[in-house]
Amino acid sequence: MAGRSRSGKGSLIWSVLRYLAPAIRAGLVKVTGIDPKGGMELSIGRPLFTRYEADRAEAMVALLEAEADHMDCVALELAGNVRKFTRR
C-alpha cells in the first residue's frame, strides 16, 4: 500500500484489524505485523499480532520470507481440492 502522509493508509489497516479482532481473539485468525517504520504504525496493536517485527531489517525480511514459504505450502496443500473452511 502506498500513499502520501495522512492519506488514510493507516485507517485501512486498522479497519481490517478491527473487523478481524473477534476472530483473532478466538484464535481463528493469526496476523503477522511487519512495521519498517520502527513500530510507528503497528506497535499500538502489538497484542493482535502472532508474529511481529519492527526493529531489524534482516528480521523483517526473514519474517516475510517465512510467511511467504507458509503461504506456498498452504497453496500446494489446497491445489486441486475443494476449498472449504475448517475450524482448527
PDB file of N, CA and C in Angstrom:
ATOM      1  N   MET A   1       0.848  -1.150   0.000  1.00  0.00           N
ATOM      2  CA  MET A   1       0.000   0.000   0.000  1.00  0.00           C
ATOM      3  C   MET A   1       0.907   1.230   0.000  1.00  0.00           C
ATOM      4  N   ALA A   2       0.552   2.209  -0.769  1.00  0.00           N
ATOM      5  CA  ALA A   2       1.357   3.420  -0.854  1.00  0.00           C
ATOM      6  C   ALA A   2       0.446   4.638  -0.871  1.00  0.00           C
ATOM      7  N   GLY A   3       0.998   5.735  -0.420  1.00  0.00           N
ATOM      8  CA  GLY A   3       0.261   6.998  -0.421  1.00  0.00           C
ATOM      9  C   GLY A   3       1.022   8.019   0.392  1.00  0.00           C
ATOM     10  N   ARG A   4       0.684   9.259   0.208  1.00  0.00           N
ATOM     11  CA  ARG A   4       1.393  10.301   0.950  1.00  0.00           C
ATOM     12  C   ARG A   4       0.940  10.310   2.407  1.00  0.00           C
ATOM     13  N   SER A   5       1.690  10.982   3.238  1.00  0.00           N
ATOM     14  CA  SER A   5       1.365  11.076   4.660  1.00  0.00           C
ATOM     15  C   SER A   5      -0.031  11.632   4.845  1.00  0.00           C
ATOM     16  N   ARG A   6      -0.735  11.064   5.801  1.00  0.00           N
ATOM     17  CA  ARG A   6      -2.080  11.477   6.195  1.00  0.00           C
ATOM     18  C   ARG A   6      -3.132  11.219   5.109  1.00  0.00           C
ATOM     19  N   SER A   7      -2.835  10.247   4.214  1.00  0.00           N
ATOM     20  CA  SER A   7      -3.795   9.940   3.148  1.00  0.00           C
ATOM     21  C   SER A   7      -4.777   8.839   3.543  1.00  0.00           C
ATOM     22  N   GLY A   8      -4.618   8.265   4.716  1.00  0.00           N
ATOM     23  CA  GLY A   8      -5.573   7.278   5.196  1.00  0.00           C
ATOM     24  C   GLY A   8      -5.137   5.834   5.104  1.00  0.00           C
ATOM     25  N   LYS A   9      -3.863   5.591   4.796  1.00  0.00           N
ATOM     26  CA  LYS A   9      -3.376   4.215   4.704  1.00  0.00           C
ATOM     27  C   LYS A   9      -3.561   3.480   6.019  1.00  0.00           C
ATOM     28  N   GLY A  10      -3.236   4.129   7.110  1.00  0.00           N
ATOM     29  CA  GLY A  10      -3.372   3.507   8.424  1.00  0.00           C
ATOM     30  C   GLY A  10      -4.807   3.162   8.754  1.00  0.00           C
ATOM     31  N   SER A  11      -5.736   4.005   8.343  1.00  0.00           N
ATOM     32  CA  SER A  11      -7.154   3.740   8.595  1.00  0.00           C
ATOM     33  C   SER A  11      -7.596   2.450   7.938  1.00  0.00           C
ATOM     34  N   LEU A  12      -7.087   2.176   6.751  1.00  0.00           N
ATOM     35  CA  LEU A  12      -7.442   0.945   6.058  1.00  0.00           C
ATOM     36  C   LEU A  12      -6.925  -0.268   6.830  1.00  0.00           C
ATOM     37  N   ILE A  13      -5.679  -0.220   7.246  1.00  0.00           N
ATOM     38  CA  ILE A  13      -5.084  -1.328   8.006  1.00  0.00           C
ATOM     39  C   ILE A  13      -5.863  -1.562   9.293  1.00  0.00           C
ATOM     40  N   TRP A  14      -6.115  -0.499  10.049  1.00  0.00           N
ATOM     41  CA  TRP A  14      -6.788  -0.641  11.337  1.00  0.00           C
ATOM     42  C   TRP A  14      -8.247  -1.041  11.181  1.00  0.00           C
ATOM     43  N   SER A  15      -8.893  -0.660  10.102  1.00  0.00           N
ATOM     44  CA  SER A  15     -10.268  -1.098   9.847  1.00  0.00           C
ATOM     45  C   SER A  15     -10.319  -2.614   9.661  1.00  0.00           C
ATOM     46  N   VAL A  16      -9.383  -3.150   8.897  1.00  0.00           N
ATOM     47  CA  VAL A  16      -9.332  -4.599   8.685  1.00  0.00           C
ATOM     48  C   VAL A  16      -9.040  -5.306  10.005  1.00  0.00           C
ATOM     49  N   LEU A  17      -8.070  -4.814  10.757  1.00  0.00           N
ATOM     50  CA  LEU A  17      -7.730  -5.448  12.035  1.00  0.00           C
ATOM     51  C   LEU A  17      -8.890  -5.373  13.023  1.00  0.00           C
ATOM     52  N   ARG A  18      -9.591  -4.274  13.028  1.00  0.00           N
ATOM     53  CA  ARG A  18     -10.745  -4.140  13.937  1.00  0.00           C
ATOM     54  C   ARG A  18     -11.818  -5.154  13.564  1.00  0.00           C
ATOM     55  N   TYR A  19     -12.054  -5.318  12.291  1.00  0.00           N
ATOM     56  CA  TYR A  19     -13.034  -6.290  11.820  1.00  0.00           C
ATOM     57  C   TYR A  19     -12.616  -7.711  12.211  1.00  0.00           C
ATOM     58  N   LEU A  20     -11.333  -8.016  12.129  1.00  0.00           N
ATOM     59  CA  LEU A  20     -10.817  -9.350  12.440  1.00  0.00           C
ATOM     60  C   LEU A  20     -10.618  -9.602  13.933  1.00  0.00           C
ATOM     61  N   ALA A  21     -10.665  -8.570  14.754  1.00  0.00           N
ATOM     62  CA  ALA A  21     -10.338  -8.688  16.177  1.00  0.00           C
ATOM     63  C   ALA A  21     -11.058  -9.837  16.886  1.00  0.00           C
ATOM     64  N   PRO A  22     -12.365 -10.022  16.714  1.00  0.00           N
ATOM     65  CA  PRO A  22     -13.007 -11.148  17.404  1.00  0.00           C
ATOM     66  C   PRO A  22     -12.441 -12.507  16.979  1.00  0.00           C
ATOM     67  N   ALA A  23     -12.146 -12.663  15.687  1.00  0.00           N
ATOM     68  CA  ALA A  23     -11.574 -13.920  15.206  1.00  0.00           C
ATOM     69  C   ALA A  23     -10.136 -14.087  15.692  1.00  0.00           C
ATOM     70  N   ILE A  24      -9.404 -12.991  15.808  1.00  0.00           N
ATOM     71  CA  ILE A  24      -8.044 -13.044  16.356  1.00  0.00           C
ATOM     72  C   ILE A  24      -8.119 -13.485  17.816  1.00  0.00           C
ATOM     73  N   ARG A  25      -9.001 -12.857  18.573  1.00  0.00           N
ATOM     74  CA  ARG A  25      -9.169 -13.175  19.990  1.00  0.00           C
ATOM     75  C   ARG A  25      -9.560 -14.633  20.187  1.00  0.00           C
ATOM     76  N   ALA A  26     -10.405 -15.157  19.291  1.00  0.00           N
ATOM     77  CA  ALA A  26     -10.862 -16.544  19.384  1.00  0.00           C
ATOM     78  C   ALA A  26      -9.821 -17.542  18.883  1.00  0.00           C
ATOM     79  N   GLY A  27      -8.726 -17.055  18.322  1.00  0.00           N
ATOM     80  CA  GLY A  27      -7.684 -17.936  17.819  1.00  0.00           C
ATOM     81  C   GLY A  27      -7.957 -18.499  16.439  1.00  0.00           C
ATOM     82  N   LEU A  28      -8.939 -17.941  15.747  1.00  0.00           N
ATOM     83  CA  LEU A  28      -9.277 -18.410  14.409  1.00  0.00           C
ATOM     84  C   LEU A  28      -8.424 -17.759  13.329  1.00  0.00           C
ATOM     85  N   VAL A  29      -7.867 -16.591  13.627  1.00  0.00           N
ATOM     86  CA  VAL A  29      -7.058 -15.833  12.680  1.00  0.00           C
ATOM     87  C   VAL A  29      -5.750 -15.467  13.358  1.00  0.00           C
ATOM     88  N   LYS A  30      -4.665 -15.652  12.635  1.00  0.00           N
ATOM     89  CA  LYS A  30      -3.348 -15.233  13.115  1.00  0.00           C
ATOM     90  C   LYS A  30      -2.840 -14.152  12.175  1.00  0.00           C
ATOM     91  N   VAL A  31      -2.372 -13.053  12.749  1.00  0.00           N
ATOM     92  CA  VAL A  31      -1.932 -11.906  11.956  1.00  0.00           C
ATOM     93  C   VAL A  31      -0.455 -11.645  12.242  1.00  0.00           C
ATOM     94  N   THR A  32       0.292 -11.413  11.177  1.00  0.00           N
ATOM     95  CA  THR A  32       1.700 -11.064  11.286  1.00  0.00           C
ATOM     96  C   THR A  32       1.847  -9.582  10.981  1.00  0.00           C
ATOM     97  N   GLY A  33       2.621  -8.888  11.802  1.00  0.00           N
ATOM     98  CA  GLY A  33       2.864  -7.468  11.582  1.00  0.00           C
ATOM     99  C   GLY A  33       4.320  -7.200  11.286  1.00  0.00           C
ATOM    100  N   ILE A  34       4.566  -6.481  10.216  1.00  0.00           N
ATOM    101  CA  ILE A  34       5.918  -6.043   9.864  1.00  0.00           C
ATOM    102  C   ILE A  34       5.833  -4.542   9.678  1.00  0.00           C
ATOM    103  N   ASP A  35       6.563  -3.817  10.517  1.00  0.00           N
ATOM    104  CA  ASP A  35       6.471  -2.357  10.534  1.00  0.00           C
ATOM    105  C   ASP A  35       7.851  -1.741  10.317  1.00  0.00           C
ATOM    106  N   PRO A  36       8.213  -1.471   9.050  1.00  0.00           N
ATOM    107  CA  PRO A  36       9.539  -0.934   8.765  1.00  0.00           C
ATOM    108  C   PRO A  36       9.762   0.491   9.275  1.00  0.00           C
ATOM    109  N   LYS A  37       8.735   1.108   9.844  1.00  0.00           N
ATOM    110  CA  LYS A  37       8.905   2.443  10.407  1.00  0.00           C
ATOM    111  C   LYS A  37       9.235   2.366  11.899  1.00  0.00           C
ATOM    112  N   GLY A  38       9.799   1.235  12.322  1.00  0.00           N
ATOM    113  CA  GLY A  38      10.262   1.091  13.693  1.00  0.00           C
ATOM    114  C   GLY A  38       9.148   1.000  14.719  1.00  0.00           C
ATOM    115  N   GLY A  39       7.975   0.621  14.309  1.00  0.00           N
ATOM    116  CA  GLY A  39       6.862   0.486  15.240  1.00  0.00           C
ATOM    117  C   GLY A  39       5.906   1.662  15.243  1.00  0.00           C
ATOM    118  N   MET A  40       6.171   2.662  14.423  1.00  0.00           N
ATOM    119  CA  MET A  40       5.317   3.854  14.398  1.00  0.00           C
ATOM    120  C   MET A  40       3.890   3.536  13.977  1.00  0.00           C
ATOM    121  N   GLU A  41       3.720   2.558  13.119  1.00  0.00           N
ATOM    122  CA  GLU A  41       2.395   2.263  12.576  1.00  0.00           C
ATOM    123  C   GLU A  41       1.649   1.193  13.356  1.00  0.00           C
ATOM    124  N   LEU A  42       2.333   0.127  13.755  1.00  0.00           N
ATOM    125  CA  LEU A  42       1.642  -1.046  14.279  1.00  0.00           C
ATOM    126  C   LEU A  42       1.853  -1.338  15.757  1.00  0.00           C
ATOM    127  N   SER A  43       2.791  -0.691  16.409  1.00  0.00           N
ATOM    128  CA  SER A  43       3.119  -1.075  17.787  1.00  0.00           C
ATOM    129  C   SER A  43       1.945  -0.928  18.754  1.00  0.00           C
ATOM    130  N   ILE A  44       1.041  -0.008  18.501  1.00  0.00           N
ATOM    131  CA  ILE A  44      -0.097   0.164  19.396  1.00  0.00           C
ATOM    132  C   ILE A  44      -0.991  -1.085  19.419  1.00  0.00           C
ATOM    133  N   GLY A  45      -0.964  -1.856  18.343  1.00  0.00           N
ATOM    134  CA  GLY A  45      -1.767  -3.073  18.275  1.00  0.00           C
ATOM    135  C   GLY A  45      -0.951  -4.334  18.451  1.00  0.00           C
ATOM    136  N   ARG A  46       0.213  -4.216  19.038  1.00  0.00           N
ATOM    137  CA  ARG A  46       1.141  -5.344  19.178  1.00  0.00           C
ATOM    138  C   ARG A  46       0.483  -6.625  19.690  1.00  0.00           C
ATOM    139  N   PRO A  47      -0.429  -6.568  20.665  1.00  0.00           N
ATOM    140  CA  PRO A  47      -1.047  -7.806  21.155  1.00  0.00           C
ATOM    141  C   PRO A  47      -1.880  -8.554  20.102  1.00  0.00           C
ATOM    142  N   LEU A  48      -2.262  -7.877  19.032  1.00  0.00           N
ATOM    143  CA  LEU A  48      -3.049  -8.531  17.983  1.00  0.00           C
ATOM    144  C   LEU A  48      -2.216  -9.468  17.115  1.00  0.00           C
ATOM    145  N   PHE A  49      -0.915  -9.241  17.060  1.00  0.00           N
ATOM    146  CA  PHE A  49      -0.053  -9.950  16.124  1.00  0.00           C
ATOM    147  C   PHE A  49       0.564 -11.196  16.746  1.00  0.00           C
ATOM    148  N   THR A  50       0.428 -12.311  16.025  1.00  0.00           N
ATOM    149  CA  THR A  50       1.066 -13.554  16.449  1.00  0.00           C
ATOM    150  C   THR A  50       2.576 -13.423  16.288  1.00  0.00           C
ATOM    151  N   ARG A  51       2.973 -12.825  15.181  1.00  0.00           N
ATOM    152  CA  ARG A  51       4.393 -12.575  14.908  1.00  0.00           C
ATOM    153  C   ARG A  51       4.516 -11.113  14.519  1.00  0.00           C
ATOM    154  N   TYR A  52       5.569 -10.472  15.011  1.00  0.00           N
ATOM    155  CA  TYR A  52       5.718  -9.027  14.813  1.00  0.00           C
ATOM    156  C   TYR A  52       7.191  -8.681  14.755  1.00  0.00           C
ATOM    157  N   GLU A  53       7.551  -7.813  13.834  1.00  0.00           N
ATOM    158  CA  GLU A  53       8.929  -7.324  13.749  1.00  0.00           C
ATOM    159  C   GLU A  53       8.898  -5.880  13.278  1.00  0.00           C
ATOM    160  N   ALA A  54       9.710  -5.059  13.926  1.00  0.00           N
ATOM    161  CA  ALA A  54       9.737  -3.643  13.570  1.00  0.00           C
ATOM    162  C   ALA A  54      11.119  -3.017  13.698  1.00  0.00           C
ATOM    163  N   ASP A  55      12.078  -3.765  14.203  1.00  0.00           N
ATOM    164  CA  ASP A  55      13.356  -3.141  14.534  1.00  0.00           C
ATOM    165  C   ASP A  55      14.489  -3.421  13.551  1.00  0.00           C
ATOM    166  N   ARG A  56      14.657  -4.655  13.172  1.00  0.00           N
ATOM    167  CA  ARG A  56      15.811  -5.016  12.353  1.00  0.00           C
ATOM    168  C   ARG A  56      15.379  -5.431  10.956  1.00  0.00           C
ATOM    169  N   ALA A  57      15.991  -4.840   9.946  1.00  0.00           N
ATOM    170  CA  ALA A  57      15.638  -5.134   8.554  1.00  0.00           C
ATOM    171  C   ALA A  57      15.793  -6.627   8.250  1.00  0.00           C
ATOM    172  N   GLU A  58      16.869  -7.250   8.736  1.00  0.00           N
ATOM    173  CA  GLU A  58      17.100  -8.672   8.474  1.00  0.00           C
ATOM    174  C   GLU A  58      15.983  -9.519   9.056  1.00  0.00           C
ATOM    175  N   ALA A  59      15.523  -9.166  10.253  1.00  0.00           N
ATOM    176  CA  ALA A  59      14.451  -9.916  10.897  1.00  0.00           C
ATOM    177  C   ALA A  59      13.127  -9.718  10.159  1.00  0.00           C
ATOM    178  N   MET A  60      12.887  -8.511   9.660  1.00  0.00           N
ATOM    179  CA  MET A  60      11.668  -8.264   8.892  1.00  0.00           C
ATOM    180  C   MET A  60      11.663  -9.086   7.608  1.00  0.00           C
ATOM    181  N   VAL A  61      12.801  -9.129   6.924  1.00  0.00           N
ATOM    182  CA  VAL A  61      12.912  -9.910   5.694  1.00  0.00           C
ATOM    183  C   VAL A  61      12.716 -11.393   5.996  1.00  0.00           C
ATOM    184  N   ALA A  62      13.339 -11.880   7.065  1.00  0.00           N
ATOM    185  CA  ALA A  62      13.206 -13.286   7.441  1.00  0.00           C
ATOM    186  C   ALA A  62      11.753 -13.639   7.759  1.00  0.00           C
ATOM    187  N   LEU A  63      11.066 -12.752   8.459  1.00  0.00           N
ATOM    188  CA  LEU A  63       9.662 -12.988   8.790  1.00  0.00           C
ATOM    189  C   LEU A  63       8.806 -13.000   7.534  1.00  0.00           C
ATOM    190  N   LEU A  64       9.031 -12.062   6.644  1.00  0.00           N
ATOM    191  CA  LEU A  64       8.283 -12.015   5.390  1.00  0.00           C
ATOM    192  C   LEU A  64       8.540 -13.279   4.561  1.00  0.00           C
ATOM    193  N   GLU A  65       9.792 -13.731   4.510  1.00  0.00           N
ATOM    194  CA  GLU A  65      10.118 -14.949   3.766  1.00  0.00           C
ATOM    195  C   GLU A  65       9.467 -16.172   4.400  1.00  0.00           C
ATOM    196  N   ALA A  66       9.446 -16.232   5.732  1.00  0.00           N
ATOM    197  CA  ALA A  66       8.804 -17.354   6.417  1.00  0.00           C
ATOM    198  C   ALA A  66       7.309 -17.389   6.118  1.00  0.00           C
ATOM    199  N   GLU A  67       6.674 -16.230   6.126  1.00  0.00           N
ATOM    200  CA  GLU A  67       5.242 -16.167   5.817  1.00  0.00           C
ATOM    201  C   GLU A  67       4.984 -16.543   4.355  1.00  0.00           C
ATOM    202  N   ALA A  68       5.845 -16.128   3.443  1.00  0.00           N
ATOM    203  CA  ALA A  68       5.695 -16.496   2.029  1.00  0.00           C
ATOM    204  C   ALA A  68       5.864 -18.001   1.851  1.00  0.00           C
ATOM    205  N   ASP A  69       6.830 -18.603   2.556  1.00  0.00           N
ATOM    206  CA  ASP A  69       7.014 -20.052   2.496  1.00  0.00           C
ATOM    207  C   ASP A  69       5.773 -20.775   3.004  1.00  0.00           C
ATOM    208  N   HIS A  70       5.204 -20.292   4.107  1.00  0.00           N
ATOM    209  CA  HIS A  70       3.986 -20.886   4.662  1.00  0.00           C
ATOM    210  C   HIS A  70       2.839 -20.782   3.652  1.00  0.00           C
ATOM    211  N   MET A  71       2.713 -19.628   3.032  1.00  0.00           N
ATOM    212  CA  MET A  71       1.666 -19.417   2.031  1.00  0.00           C
ATOM    213  C   MET A  71       1.832 -20.408   0.870  1.00  0.00           C
ATOM    214  N   ASP A  72       3.066 -20.621   0.440  1.00  0.00           N
ATOM    215  CA  ASP A  72       3.323 -21.575  -0.640  1.00  0.00           C
ATOM    216  C   ASP A  72       2.927 -22.995  -0.236  1.00  0.00           C
ATOM    217  N   CYS A  73       3.224 -23.383   1.000  1.00  0.00           N
ATOM    218  CA  CYS A  73       2.859 -24.721   1.486  1.00  0.00           C
ATOM    219  C   CYS A  73       1.349 -24.899   1.520  1.00  0.00           C
ATOM    220  N   VAL A  74       0.644 -23.888   2.002  1.00  0.00           N
ATOM    221  CA  VAL A  74      -0.821 -23.958   2.049  1.00  0.00           C
ATOM    222  C   VAL A  74      -1.389 -24.028   0.635  1.00  0.00           C
ATOM    223  N   ALA A  75      -0.823 -23.249  -0.286  1.00  0.00           N
ATOM    224  CA  ALA A  75      -1.297 -23.270  -1.671  1.00  0.00           C
ATOM    225  C   ALA A  75      -1.122 -24.657  -2.282  1.00  0.00           C
ATOM    226  N   LEU A  76       0.013 -25.299  -2.025  1.00  0.00           N
ATOM    227  CA  LEU A  76       0.235 -26.653  -2.539  1.00  0.00           C
ATOM    228  C   LEU A  76      -0.755 -27.644  -1.937  1.00  0.00           C
ATOM    229  N   GLU A  77      -1.040 -27.481  -0.661  1.00  0.00           N
ATOM    230  CA  GLU A  77      -1.978 -28.362   0.030  1.00  0.00           C
ATOM    231  C   GLU A  77      -3.396 -28.217  -0.539  1.00  0.00           C
ATOM    232  N   LEU A  78      -3.769 -26.998  -0.887  1.00  0.00           N
ATOM    233  CA  LEU A  78      -5.125 -26.741  -1.368  1.00  0.00           C
ATOM    234  C   LEU A  78      -5.293 -26.941  -2.864  1.00  0.00           C
ATOM    235  N   ALA A  79      -4.201 -26.946  -3.605  1.00  0.00           N
ATOM    236  CA  ALA A  79      -4.280 -27.041  -5.065  1.00  0.00           C
ATOM    237  C   ALA A  79      -5.041 -28.290  -5.491  1.00  0.00           C
ATOM    238  N   GLY A  80      -6.070 -28.077  -6.301  1.00  0.00           N
ATOM    239  CA  GLY A  80      -6.841 -29.192  -6.826  1.00  0.00           C
ATOM    240  C   GLY A  80      -7.898 -29.728  -5.885  1.00  0.00           C
ATOM    241  N   ASN A  81      -8.004 -29.192  -4.690  1.00  0.00           N
ATOM    242  CA  ASN A  81      -9.001 -29.625  -3.721  1.00  0.00           C
ATOM    243  C   ASN A  81     -10.117 -28.600  -3.634  1.00  0.00           C
ATOM    244  N   VAL A  82     -11.262 -29.051  -3.201  1.00  0.00           N
ATOM    245  CA  VAL A  82     -12.358 -28.118  -2.966  1.00  0.00           C
ATOM    246  C   VAL A  82     -11.977 -27.253  -1.785  1.00  0.00           C
ATOM    247  N   ARG A  83     -12.143 -25.972  -1.934  1.00  0.00           N
ATOM    248  CA  ARG A  83     -11.810 -25.060  -0.833  1.00  0.00           C
ATOM    249  C   ARG A  83     -12.961 -25.037   0.146  1.00  0.00           C
ATOM    250  N   LYS A  84     -12.640 -25.269   1.378  1.00  0.00           N
ATOM    251  CA  LYS A  84     -13.644 -25.172   2.433  1.00  0.00           C
ATOM    252  C   LYS A  84     -12.961 -24.753   3.720  1.00  0.00           C
ATOM    253  N   PHE A  85     -13.691 -24.082   4.541  1.00  0.00           N
ATOM    254  CA  PHE A  85     -13.168 -23.590   5.806  1.00  0.00           C
ATOM    255  C   PHE A  85     -13.295 -24.682   6.846  1.00  0.00           C
ATOM    256  N   THR A  86     -12.190 -25.000   7.503  1.00  0.00           N
ATOM    257  CA  THR A  86     -12.198 -25.941   8.600  1.00  0.00           C
ATOM    258  C   THR A  86     -11.646 -25.261   9.831  1.00  0.00           C
ATOM    259  N   ARG A  87     -12.461 -25.170  10.850  1.00  0.00           N
ATOM    260  CA  ARG A  87     -12.004 -24.566  12.103  1.00  0.00           C
ATOM    261  C   ARG A  87     -10.989 -25.479  12.755  1.00  0.00           C
ATOM    262  N   ARG A  88      -9.838 -24.912  13.110  1.00  0.00           N
ATOM    263  CA  ARG A  88      -8.768 -25.709  13.737  1.00  0.00           C
ATOM    264  C   ARG A  88      -8.639 -25.377  15.189  1.00  0.00           C
TER     265      ARG A  88
END
